[in-house]
Amino acid sequence: MFEGWHLLTNKNGKEIIWIVKGYEHPKEGFISIPYRISGNRIKSDEFSNYIPKEYYRYLDCVGRYVPVVKKDDILNYYDPKEMYFSKKNSLPEKINDLIKYLNPEYVGLIGSYAFGFQVKHSDVDLLLYGNNREIYEKLIELRNSEFISNCINRYNKVSDTMSYNSYKILSELKVLDSCYMNIPYTIRILRQIYNKECVSNYKTLNIFKGEIEIYDNNENYLVPSIYLAYNENYGKIEIMTWHTRYSELPLGKYIIEGIIQLDLKRNKLIIVPDLGGRIDPIKIWA
C-alpha cells in the first residue's frame, strides 16, 4: 500500500473508508486518515472523532503520533489502478483524453469518482506516476494553450488554512488542481508506487511561525512537495508538504506556520505546514 490507496474497516459498528498516507509504514498496519463513514465525507477537523485511540502510534519515520490502521482490522483494499480501469468508461471523456495525452506509466483513481459519490463540480482525483517532470511540463503546456484553467471557485476546499487573497494568487498558477476543458480534476504525481517499512527518522522540535523565502521549487509538483527555503533565524531549511493546496508554490516570500522537524539521517531541518499550519504568500517572483 502507498499514498492514495483506500482501506475499509468496520470498528465498533462504524464502516469507515480510509486513505493511506505516505510510502513508509510499520509492519502491523498502514498510516491512514478517515475519508468516509457510511458514505458521508469526513471533514479534517472531525478526524479524531472516528479514529480509535488504540490506532495512534508514535513512529520514528514520521516523528510524531499518527493513526495506523491495523492489518487485522482491514476488510478490503482498494487499489487505485484497478479503480481507474473499472471506472474508466464512466469518467468524463475529456479526462480520459487528458490521461492519454499525459501518457503516465501508472494511473490510479481515488476519491468520489472511485466510489460513485461524485456530484456536480466534483473533482476527478487521479494518481499519476511515470516520467514525472515530463507529465508536469505537459500540464503547463496545456495551461499555456488555455486547455487548462481555473474554471470554478474552489476556495471552500482550502478556506481552513488559506486566506481568499492567497487562494486567488496561487490558484491561477496551478495545473495539478484545476480544470481541463472545464472538467475539474486533482492530480497527485507520486514519487514512487511501492511502499517500504519505516526507514526515515524524524524528530519533532517545536512550532514555527514566521517569514521564509523559497529559493528552489524544482520538486514543487511531487507528492510530497519539497522546497528549499531560507529563514533569518534558522538559515537554510526545507519545507515538506503532502497537501495539494501547498504544492506548486512559486519562488518568493511567504508567511508560514507549521512544525519544525529534524531529519536525523540527513541532519536537515524541515518545516511541515500540514498539521494546523498554513502558508500565505507575501510576494512571489513569478
C-alpha atoms as a PDB file:
ATOM      1  CA  MET A   1       0.000   0.000   0.000  1.00  0.00           C
ATOM      2  CA  PHE A   2       1.198   3.516  -0.741  1.00  0.00           C
ATOM      3  CA  GLU A   3      -0.104   7.090  -0.905  1.00  0.00           C
ATOM      4  CA  GLY A   4      -3.725   7.208  -2.094  1.00  0.00           C
ATOM      5  CA  TRP A   5      -4.849   3.600  -1.572  1.00  0.00           C
ATOM      6  CA  HIS A   6      -8.154   3.182   0.267  1.00  0.00           C
ATOM      7  CA  LEU A   7      -8.923   0.734   3.079  1.00  0.00           C
ATOM      8  CA  LEU A   8     -12.221  -0.427   4.577  1.00  0.00           C
ATOM      9  CA  THR A   9     -12.783  -1.188   8.266  1.00  0.00           C
ATOM     10  CA  ASN A  10     -15.814  -1.763  10.448  1.00  0.00           C
ATOM     11  CA  LYS A  11     -14.852  -0.921  14.000  1.00  0.00           C
ATOM     12  CA  ASN A  12     -17.444  -0.591  16.769  1.00  0.00           C
ATOM     13  CA  GLY A  13     -20.218  -0.727  14.198  1.00  0.00           C
ATOM     14  CA  LYS A  14     -18.782   2.122  12.093  1.00  0.00           C
ATOM     15  CA  GLU A  15     -17.876   1.327   8.495  1.00  0.00           C
ATOM     16  CA  ILE A  16     -15.035   3.646   7.534  1.00  0.00           C
ATOM     17  CA  ILE A  17     -13.124   4.116   4.299  1.00  0.00           C
ATOM     18  CA  TRP A  18      -9.573   5.290   4.973  1.00  0.00           C
ATOM     19  CA  ILE A  19      -6.923   6.938   2.775  1.00  0.00           C
ATOM     20  CA  VAL A  20      -3.391   5.588   3.085  1.00  0.00           C
ATOM     21  CA  LYS A  21      -0.823   8.377   3.571  1.00  0.00           C
ATOM     22  CA  GLY A  22       2.792   8.189   2.543  1.00  0.00           C
ATOM     23  CA  TYR A  23       5.134   5.484   1.340  1.00  0.00           C
ATOM     24  CA  GLU A  24       6.578   4.197   4.623  1.00  0.00           C
ATOM     25  CA  HIS A  25       4.522   2.090   7.018  1.00  0.00           C
ATOM     26  CA  PRO A  26       5.054  -0.110  10.102  1.00  0.00           C
ATOM     27  CA  LYS A  27       4.731  -3.886   9.861  1.00  0.00           C
ATOM     28  CA  GLU A  28       1.399  -4.069  11.650  1.00  0.00           C
ATOM     29  CA  GLY A  29      -0.576  -1.637   9.511  1.00  0.00           C
ATOM     30  CA  PHE A  30      -0.800   1.483   7.387  1.00  0.00           C
ATOM     31  CA  ILE A  31      -0.665   5.169   8.260  1.00  0.00           C
ATOM     32  CA  SER A  32      -4.119   6.385   7.197  1.00  0.00           C
ATOM     33  CA  ILE A  33      -6.751   9.042   7.756  1.00  0.00           C
ATOM     34  CA  PRO A  34     -10.536   8.537   7.615  1.00  0.00           C
ATOM     35  CA  TYR A  35     -12.207   9.524   4.335  1.00  0.00           C
ATOM     36  CA  ARG A  36     -15.877   8.485   4.583  1.00  0.00           C
ATOM     37  CA  ILE A  37     -18.106   6.915   7.209  1.00  0.00           C
ATOM     38  CA  SER A  38     -21.260   5.213   5.959  1.00  0.00           C
ATOM     39  CA  GLY A  39     -20.775   7.078   2.675  1.00  0.00           C
ATOM     40  CA  ASN A  40     -20.528  10.544   4.266  1.00  0.00           C
ATOM     41  CA  ARG A  41     -17.377  12.621   3.789  1.00  0.00           C
ATOM     42  CA  ILE A  42     -15.413  13.269   6.989  1.00  0.00           C
ATOM     43  CA  LYS A  43     -14.030  16.785   7.476  1.00  0.00           C
ATOM     44  CA  SER A  44     -10.433  17.137   8.611  1.00  0.00           C
ATOM     45  CA  ASP A  45     -11.434  18.731  11.929  1.00  0.00           C
ATOM     46  CA  GLU A  46     -13.596  15.671  12.673  1.00  0.00           C
ATOM     47  CA  PHE A  47     -10.906  13.008  12.125  1.00  0.00           C
ATOM     48  CA  SER A  48     -10.272  12.475  15.828  1.00  0.00           C
ATOM     49  CA  ASN A  49     -13.932  11.549  16.374  1.00  0.00           C
ATOM     50  CA  TYR A  50     -13.559   8.432  14.223  1.00  0.00           C
ATOM     51  CA  ILE A  51     -10.022   7.227  14.892  1.00  0.00           C
ATOM     52  CA  PRO A  52      -9.840   4.582  17.668  1.00  0.00           C
ATOM     53  CA  LYS A  53      -7.362   5.630  20.360  1.00  0.00           C
ATOM     54  CA  GLU A  54      -5.516   2.321  20.031  1.00  0.00           C
ATOM     55  CA  TYR A  55      -4.673   3.199  16.411  1.00  0.00           C
ATOM     56  CA  TYR A  56      -2.398   6.081  17.412  1.00  0.00           C
ATOM     57  CA  ARG A  57       1.283   5.187  17.424  1.00  0.00           C
ATOM     58  CA  TYR A  58       4.476   7.168  17.694  1.00  0.00           C
ATOM     59  CA  LEU A  59       6.612   6.381  14.654  1.00  0.00           C
ATOM     60  CA  ASP A  60      10.220   7.466  14.275  1.00  0.00           C
ATOM     61  CA  CYS A  61       9.782   7.578  10.497  1.00  0.00           C
ATOM     62  CA  VAL A  62       7.182  10.347  10.933  1.00  0.00           C
ATOM     63  CA  GLY A  63       8.452  11.900  14.157  1.00  0.00           C
ATOM     64  CA  ARG A  64       5.054  12.094  15.840  1.00  0.00           C
ATOM     65  CA  TYR A  65       1.916  10.156  16.770  1.00  0.00           C
ATOM     66  CA  VAL A  66      -0.081   9.075  13.716  1.00  0.00           C
ATOM     67  CA  PRO A  67      -3.117   6.816  13.162  1.00  0.00           C
ATOM     68  CA  VAL A  68      -2.116   3.334  11.981  1.00  0.00           C
ATOM     69  CA  VAL A  69      -4.932   1.109  10.701  1.00  0.00           C
ATOM     70  CA  LYS A  70      -4.127  -2.419  11.825  1.00  0.00           C
ATOM     71  CA  LYS A  71      -3.921  -5.061   9.105  1.00  0.00           C
ATOM     72  CA  ASP A  72      -6.136  -7.391  11.150  1.00  0.00           C
ATOM     73  CA  ASP A  73      -8.943  -4.793  11.033  1.00  0.00           C
ATOM     74  CA  ILE A  74      -8.879  -4.270   7.261  1.00  0.00           C
ATOM     75  CA  LEU A  75     -11.877  -5.780   5.470  1.00  0.00           C
ATOM     76  CA  ASN A  76     -10.984  -4.639   1.969  1.00  0.00           C
ATOM     77  CA  TYR A  77      -8.231  -2.909  -0.002  1.00  0.00           C
ATOM     78  CA  TYR A  78      -8.985  -0.591  -2.915  1.00  0.00           C
ATOM     79  CA  ASP A  79      -6.202  -0.470  -5.494  1.00  0.00           C
ATOM     80  CA  PRO A  80      -6.364   2.934  -7.284  1.00  0.00           C
ATOM     81  CA  LYS A  81      -5.114   1.389 -10.532  1.00  0.00           C
ATOM     82  CA  GLU A  82      -7.896  -1.204 -10.505  1.00  0.00           C
ATOM     83  CA  MET A  83     -10.410   1.506  -9.562  1.00  0.00           C
ATOM     84  CA  TYR A  84      -9.359   3.565 -12.577  1.00  0.00           C
ATOM     85  CA  PHE A  85      -9.746   0.754 -15.090  1.00  0.00           C
ATOM     86  CA  SER A  86     -13.070  -0.348 -13.605  1.00  0.00           C
ATOM     87  CA  LYS A  87     -14.458   3.219 -13.707  1.00  0.00           C
ATOM     88  CA  LYS A  88     -12.661   4.466 -16.828  1.00  0.00           C
ATOM     89  CA  ASN A  89     -15.701   4.305 -19.098  1.00  0.00           C
ATOM     90  CA  SER A  90     -17.832   6.290 -16.629  1.00  0.00           C
ATOM     91  CA  LEU A  91     -15.334   9.146 -16.261  1.00  0.00           C
ATOM     92  CA  PRO A  92     -15.735  12.368 -18.264  1.00  0.00           C
ATOM     93  CA  GLU A  93     -14.359  11.642 -21.736  1.00  0.00           C
ATOM     94  CA  LYS A  94     -12.116  14.712 -21.589  1.00  0.00           C
ATOM     95  CA  ILE A  95     -10.357  13.351 -18.507  1.00  0.00           C
ATOM     96  CA  ASN A  96      -9.548  10.121 -20.310  1.00  0.00           C
ATOM     97  CA  ASP A  97      -8.234  12.206 -23.204  1.00  0.00           C
ATOM     98  CA  LEU A  98      -6.054  14.149 -20.758  1.00  0.00           C
ATOM     99  CA  ILE A  99      -4.617  10.948 -19.278  1.00  0.00           C
ATOM    100  CA  LYS A 100      -3.895   9.586 -22.743  1.00  0.00           C
ATOM    101  CA  TYR A 101      -2.031  12.774 -23.623  1.00  0.00           C
ATOM    102  CA  LEU A 102      -0.011  12.778 -20.385  1.00  0.00           C
ATOM    103  CA  ASN A 103       0.875   9.107 -21.006  1.00  0.00           C
ATOM    104  CA  PRO A 104       1.793   8.107 -17.427  1.00  0.00           C
ATOM    105  CA  GLU A 105       3.297   4.743 -16.567  1.00  0.00           C
ATOM    106  CA  TYR A 106       0.739   4.403 -13.765  1.00  0.00           C
ATOM    107  CA  VAL A 107      -2.697   5.957 -13.309  1.00  0.00           C
ATOM    108  CA  GLY A 108      -4.956   5.498 -10.295  1.00  0.00           C
ATOM    109  CA  LEU A 109      -8.423   6.808  -9.440  1.00  0.00           C
ATOM    110  CA  ILE A 110      -9.325   7.817  -5.892  1.00  0.00           C
ATOM    111  CA  GLY A 111     -11.926   9.990  -4.194  1.00  0.00           C
ATOM    112  CA  SER A 112     -15.597  10.455  -5.038  1.00  0.00           C
ATOM    113  CA  TYR A 113     -15.472   9.140  -8.621  1.00  0.00           C
ATOM    114  CA  ALA A 114     -13.812   5.929  -7.439  1.00  0.00           C
ATOM    115  CA  PHE A 115     -16.720   5.150  -5.099  1.00  0.00           C
ATOM    116  CA  GLY A 116     -19.603   6.701  -7.029  1.00  0.00           C
ATOM    117  CA  PHE A 117     -20.127   9.648  -4.656  1.00  0.00           C
ATOM    118  CA  GLN A 118     -19.444  12.374  -7.212  1.00  0.00           C
ATOM    119  CA  VAL A 119     -21.802  15.339  -7.525  1.00  0.00           C
ATOM    120  CA  LYS A 120     -21.814  18.427  -9.727  1.00  0.00           C
ATOM    121  CA  HIS A 121     -18.347  20.043  -9.808  1.00  0.00           C
ATOM    122  CA  SER A 122     -16.695  17.073  -8.062  1.00  0.00           C
ATOM    123  CA  ASP A 123     -13.003  16.737  -8.878  1.00  0.00           C
ATOM    124  CA  VAL A 124     -11.759  13.675 -10.696  1.00  0.00           C
ATOM    125  CA  ASP A 125      -8.970  12.673  -8.294  1.00  0.00           C
ATOM    126  CA  LEU A 126      -6.046  10.988 -10.033  1.00  0.00           C
ATOM    127  CA  LEU A 127      -2.710   9.485  -9.007  1.00  0.00           C
ATOM    128  CA  LEU A 128      -0.050   9.542 -11.726  1.00  0.00           C
ATOM    129  CA  TYR A 129       3.464   8.197 -11.961  1.00  0.00           C
ATOM    130  CA  GLY A 130       5.974   7.894 -14.787  1.00  0.00           C
ATOM    131  CA  ASN A 131       8.296  10.450 -16.309  1.00  0.00           C
ATOM    132  CA  ASN A 132       7.120  12.897 -13.669  1.00  0.00           C
ATOM    133  CA  ARG A 133       8.882  16.007 -14.960  1.00  0.00           C
ATOM    134  CA  GLU A 134       7.523  15.368 -18.461  1.00  0.00           C
ATOM    135  CA  ILE A 135       3.989  14.893 -17.107  1.00  0.00           C
ATOM    136  CA  TYR A 136       4.144  18.210 -15.276  1.00  0.00           C
ATOM    137  CA  GLU A 137       5.622  20.077 -18.230  1.00  0.00           C
ATOM    138  CA  LYS A 138       2.818  18.763 -20.458  1.00  0.00           C
ATOM    139  CA  LEU A 139       0.286  20.145 -17.975  1.00  0.00           C
ATOM    140  CA  ILE A 140       1.974  23.540 -18.091  1.00  0.00           C
ATOM    141  CA  GLU A 141       1.875  23.460 -21.887  1.00  0.00           C
ATOM    142  CA  LEU A 142      -1.860  22.766 -21.741  1.00  0.00           C
ATOM    143  CA  ARG A 143      -2.345  25.736 -19.421  1.00  0.00           C
ATOM    144  CA  ASN A 144      -0.337  27.964 -21.747  1.00  0.00           C
ATOM    145  CA  SER A 145      -2.592  26.813 -24.585  1.00  0.00           C
ATOM    146  CA  GLU A 146      -5.658  27.590 -22.396  1.00  0.00           C
ATOM    147  CA  PHE A 147      -6.883  23.978 -22.293  1.00  0.00           C
ATOM    148  CA  ILE A 148      -6.272  24.103 -18.529  1.00  0.00           C
ATOM    149  CA  SER A 149      -7.707  26.948 -16.470  1.00  0.00           C
ATOM    150  CA  ASN A 150      -9.164  27.583 -13.025  1.00  0.00           C
ATOM    151  CA  CYS A 151     -12.775  27.224 -14.173  1.00  0.00           C
ATOM    152  CA  ILE A 152     -14.588  27.183 -10.819  1.00  0.00           C
ATOM    153  CA  ASN A 153     -14.078  28.771  -7.409  1.00  0.00           C
ATOM    154  CA  ARG A 154     -12.917  26.038  -5.056  1.00  0.00           C
ATOM    155  CA  TYR A 155     -11.830  28.222  -2.171  1.00  0.00           C
ATOM    156  CA  ASN A 156     -14.039  26.219   0.208  1.00  0.00           C
ATOM    157  CA  LYS A 157     -11.528  23.358  -0.135  1.00  0.00           C
ATOM    158  CA  VAL A 158      -8.742  25.394   1.463  1.00  0.00           C
ATOM    159  CA  SER A 159     -10.537  28.080   3.485  1.00  0.00           C
ATOM    160  CA  ASP A 160      -9.491  26.489   6.792  1.00  0.00           C
ATOM    161  CA  THR A 161      -5.791  27.197   6.169  1.00  0.00           C
ATOM    162  CA  MET A 162      -5.586  29.856   3.472  1.00  0.00           C
ATOM    163  CA  SER A 163      -6.914  33.376   3.002  1.00  0.00           C
ATOM    164  CA  TYR A 164      -9.020  34.123  -0.067  1.00  0.00           C
ATOM    165  CA  ASN A 165      -6.362  36.510  -1.347  1.00  0.00           C
ATOM    166  CA  SER A 166      -3.745  33.751  -1.089  1.00  0.00           C
ATOM    167  CA  TYR A 167      -6.064  31.334  -2.870  1.00  0.00           C
ATOM    168  CA  LYS A 168      -6.621  33.785  -5.736  1.00  0.00           C
ATOM    169  CA  ILE A 169      -2.890  34.388  -6.173  1.00  0.00           C
ATOM    170  CA  LEU A 170      -1.906  30.724  -6.112  1.00  0.00           C
ATOM    171  CA  SER A 171      -4.866  29.053  -7.846  1.00  0.00           C
ATOM    172  CA  GLU A 172      -4.195  30.869 -11.113  1.00  0.00           C
ATOM    173  CA  LEU A 173      -0.719  29.314 -11.225  1.00  0.00           C
ATOM    174  CA  LYS A 174      -1.754  25.713 -10.568  1.00  0.00           C
ATOM    175  CA  VAL A 175      -2.078  22.900 -13.072  1.00  0.00           C
ATOM    176  CA  LEU A 176      -2.371  19.970 -10.637  1.00  0.00           C
ATOM    177  CA  ASP A 177      -5.619  21.222  -9.088  1.00  0.00           C
ATOM    178  CA  SER A 178      -7.534  22.914 -11.869  1.00  0.00           C
ATOM    179  CA  CYS A 179      -9.862  22.223 -14.821  1.00  0.00           C
ATOM    180  CA  TYR A 180      -9.205  20.574 -18.164  1.00  0.00           C
ATOM    181  CA  MET A 181     -11.665  21.931 -20.728  1.00  0.00           C
ATOM    182  CA  ASN A 182     -13.997  22.882 -17.848  1.00  0.00           C
ATOM    183  CA  ILE A 183     -13.782  19.479 -16.082  1.00  0.00           C
ATOM    184  CA  PRO A 184     -12.358  19.865 -12.539  1.00  0.00           C
ATOM    185  CA  TYR A 185      -9.606  17.474 -11.565  1.00  0.00           C
ATOM    186  CA  THR A 186      -6.896  16.994  -8.960  1.00  0.00           C
ATOM    187  CA  ILE A 187      -3.687  15.222  -9.920  1.00  0.00           C
ATOM    188  CA  ARG A 188      -1.172  13.908  -7.419  1.00  0.00           C
ATOM    189  CA  ILE A 189       2.135  12.993  -9.067  1.00  0.00           C
ATOM    190  CA  LEU A 190       3.660  10.244  -6.940  1.00  0.00           C
ATOM    191  CA  ARG A 191       7.349   9.935  -6.130  1.00  0.00           C
ATOM    192  CA  GLN A 192       7.062   6.140  -6.068  1.00  0.00           C
ATOM    193  CA  ILE A 193       4.457   3.391  -6.461  1.00  0.00           C
ATOM    194  CA  TYR A 194       5.630   0.986  -3.801  1.00  0.00           C
ATOM    195  CA  ASN A 195       5.819   1.051  -0.028  1.00  0.00           C
ATOM    196  CA  LYS A 196       8.516   0.098   2.416  1.00  0.00           C
ATOM    197  CA  GLU A 197       8.881  -0.312   6.143  1.00  0.00           C
ATOM    198  CA  CYS A 198       9.622   2.819   8.154  1.00  0.00           C
ATOM    199  CA  VAL A 199      13.228   3.756   7.439  1.00  0.00           C
ATOM    200  CA  SER A 200      13.254   7.550   7.840  1.00  0.00           C
ATOM    201  CA  ASN A 201      13.934   9.124  11.210  1.00  0.00           C
ATOM    202  CA  TYR A 202      12.388  12.460  12.170  1.00  0.00           C
ATOM    203  CA  LYS A 203      12.274  14.259  15.494  1.00  0.00           C
ATOM    204  CA  THR A 204       9.648  16.949  16.099  1.00  0.00           C
ATOM    205  CA  LEU A 205      11.230  20.025  17.711  1.00  0.00           C
ATOM    206  CA  ASN A 206       8.831  22.954  18.040  1.00  0.00           C
ATOM    207  CA  ILE A 207       6.300  25.234  16.355  1.00  0.00           C
ATOM    208  CA  PHE A 208       7.339  27.676  13.650  1.00  0.00           C
ATOM    209  CA  LYS A 209       5.625  30.878  12.558  1.00  0.00           C
ATOM    210  CA  GLY A 210       7.430  33.469  10.515  1.00  0.00           C
ATOM    211  CA  GLU A 211       8.684  34.715   7.190  1.00  0.00           C
ATOM    212  CA  ILE A 212      10.520  32.442   4.814  1.00  0.00           C
ATOM    213  CA  GLU A 213      11.859  32.708   1.279  1.00  0.00           C
ATOM    214  CA  ILE A 214      11.584  29.805  -1.144  1.00  0.00           C
ATOM    215  CA  TYR A 215      14.610  29.868  -3.445  1.00  0.00           C
ATOM    216  CA  ASP A 216      14.295  26.402  -5.050  1.00  0.00           C
ATOM    217  CA  ASN A 217      10.974  24.810  -6.043  1.00  0.00           C
ATOM    218  CA  ASN A 218      12.111  22.127  -8.502  1.00  0.00           C
ATOM    219  CA  GLU A 219      10.175  19.473  -6.570  1.00  0.00           C
ATOM    220  CA  ASN A 220       7.009  21.510  -6.023  1.00  0.00           C
ATOM    221  CA  TYR A 221       4.827  19.224  -8.171  1.00  0.00           C
ATOM    222  CA  LEU A 222       5.580  15.879  -6.495  1.00  0.00           C
ATOM    223  CA  VAL A 223       3.974  14.115  -3.514  1.00  0.00           C
ATOM    224  CA  PRO A 224       5.297  15.190  -1.110  1.00  0.00           C
ATOM    225  CA  SER A 225       6.345  18.604  -2.413  1.00  0.00           C
ATOM    226  CA  ILE A 226       9.746  19.744  -1.148  1.00  0.00           C
ATOM    227  CA  TYR A 227      11.063  23.312  -1.229  1.00  0.00           C
ATOM    228  CA  LEU A 228      14.463  24.714  -0.351  1.00  0.00           C
ATOM    229  CA  ALA A 229      13.995  27.868   1.699  1.00  0.00           C
ATOM    230  CA  TYR A 230      15.765  30.392   3.894  1.00  0.00           C
ATOM    231  CA  ASN A 231      14.788  31.909   7.233  1.00  0.00           C
ATOM    232  CA  GLU A 232      16.825  34.559   9.037  1.00  0.00           C
ATOM    233  CA  ASN A 233      16.754  32.610  12.306  1.00  0.00           C
ATOM    234  CA  TYR A 234      17.310  29.073  11.028  1.00  0.00           C
ATOM    235  CA  GLY A 235      19.222  29.699   7.818  1.00  0.00           C
ATOM    236  CA  LYS A 236      18.633  27.108   5.095  1.00  0.00           C
ATOM    237  CA  ILE A 237      15.625  24.924   5.801  1.00  0.00           C
ATOM    238  CA  GLU A 238      13.332  22.629   3.811  1.00  0.00           C
ATOM    239  CA  ILE A 239       9.553  22.777   3.533  1.00  0.00           C
ATOM    240  CA  MET A 240       7.853  19.423   3.091  1.00  0.00           C
ATOM    241  CA  THR A 241       4.118  19.113   2.428  1.00  0.00           C
ATOM    242  CA  TRP A 242       1.746  16.347   1.375  1.00  0.00           C
ATOM    243  CA  HIS A 243      -1.127  18.805   0.791  1.00  0.00           C
ATOM    244  CA  THR A 244      -2.126  19.603  -2.786  1.00  0.00           C
ATOM    245  CA  ARG A 245      -3.023  23.099  -1.575  1.00  0.00           C
ATOM    246  CA  TYR A 246       0.654  23.773  -0.866  1.00  0.00           C
ATOM    247  CA  SER A 247       2.087  22.187  -3.994  1.00  0.00           C
ATOM    248  CA  GLU A 248       3.280  24.247  -6.968  1.00  0.00           C
ATOM    249  CA  LEU A 249       4.316  27.223  -4.837  1.00  0.00           C
ATOM    250  CA  PRO A 250       6.306  29.725  -6.924  1.00  0.00           C
ATOM    251  CA  LEU A 251       9.571  31.240  -5.763  1.00  0.00           C
ATOM    252  CA  GLY A 252       9.036  34.105  -3.346  1.00  0.00           C
ATOM    253  CA  LYS A 253       8.488  35.214   0.237  1.00  0.00           C
ATOM    254  CA  TYR A 254       5.823  33.628   2.443  1.00  0.00           C
ATOM    255  CA  ILE A 255       4.432  33.615   5.948  1.00  0.00           C
ATOM    256  CA  ILE A 256       4.416  30.020   7.092  1.00  0.00           C
ATOM    257  CA  GLU A 257       3.107  28.223  10.157  1.00  0.00           C
ATOM    258  CA  GLY A 258       3.920  24.607  10.939  1.00  0.00           C
ATOM    259  CA  ILE A 259       6.021  22.229  12.974  1.00  0.00           C
ATOM    260  CA  ILE A 260       9.796  22.033  12.725  1.00  0.00           C
ATOM    261  CA  GLN A 261      11.303  18.579  12.496  1.00  0.00           C
ATOM    262  CA  LEU A 262      14.880  17.367  12.350  1.00  0.00           C
ATOM    263  CA  ASP A 263      15.637  14.763   9.702  1.00  0.00           C
ATOM    264  CA  LEU A 264      18.101  12.786  11.782  1.00  0.00           C
ATOM    265  CA  LYS A 265      19.501  10.816   8.855  1.00  0.00           C
ATOM    266  CA  ARG A 266      20.325  13.883   6.760  1.00  0.00           C
ATOM    267  CA  ASN A 267      20.751  16.336   9.658  1.00  0.00           C
ATOM    268  CA  LYS A 268      18.319  18.725   7.931  1.00  0.00           C
ATOM    269  CA  LEU A 269      15.646  20.966   9.421  1.00  0.00           C
ATOM    270  CA  ILE A 270      12.174  20.548   7.910  1.00  0.00           C
ATOM    271  CA  ILE A 271       9.059  22.711   8.256  1.00  0.00           C
ATOM    272  CA  VAL A 272       5.789  20.797   7.858  1.00  0.00           C
ATOM    273  CA  PRO A 273       2.698  23.033   7.474  1.00  0.00           C
ATOM    274  CA  ASP A 274       0.191  20.177   7.097  1.00  0.00           C
ATOM    275  CA  LEU A 275      -0.940  19.870  10.736  1.00  0.00           C
ATOM    276  CA  GLY A 276      -2.858  23.002  11.680  1.00  0.00           C
ATOM    277  CA  GLY A 277      -0.411  25.206   9.804  1.00  0.00           C
ATOM    278  CA  ARG A 278      -0.713  27.457   6.780  1.00  0.00           C
ATOM    279  CA  ILE A 279       1.264  29.120   4.013  1.00  0.00           C
ATOM    280  CA  ASP A 280       0.408  32.609   2.735  1.00  0.00           C
ATOM    281  CA  PRO A 281       2.373  34.451   0.033  1.00  0.00           C
ATOM    282  CA  ILE A 282       3.846  37.886   0.798  1.00  0.00           C
ATOM    283  CA  LYS A 283       5.494  38.421  -2.572  1.00  0.00           C
ATOM    284  CA  ILE A 284       6.141  35.952  -5.362  1.00  0.00           C
ATOM    285  CA  TRP A 285       8.737  36.260  -8.092  1.00  0.00           C
ATOM    286  CA  ALA A 286       6.608  34.795 -10.927  1.00  0.00           C
END
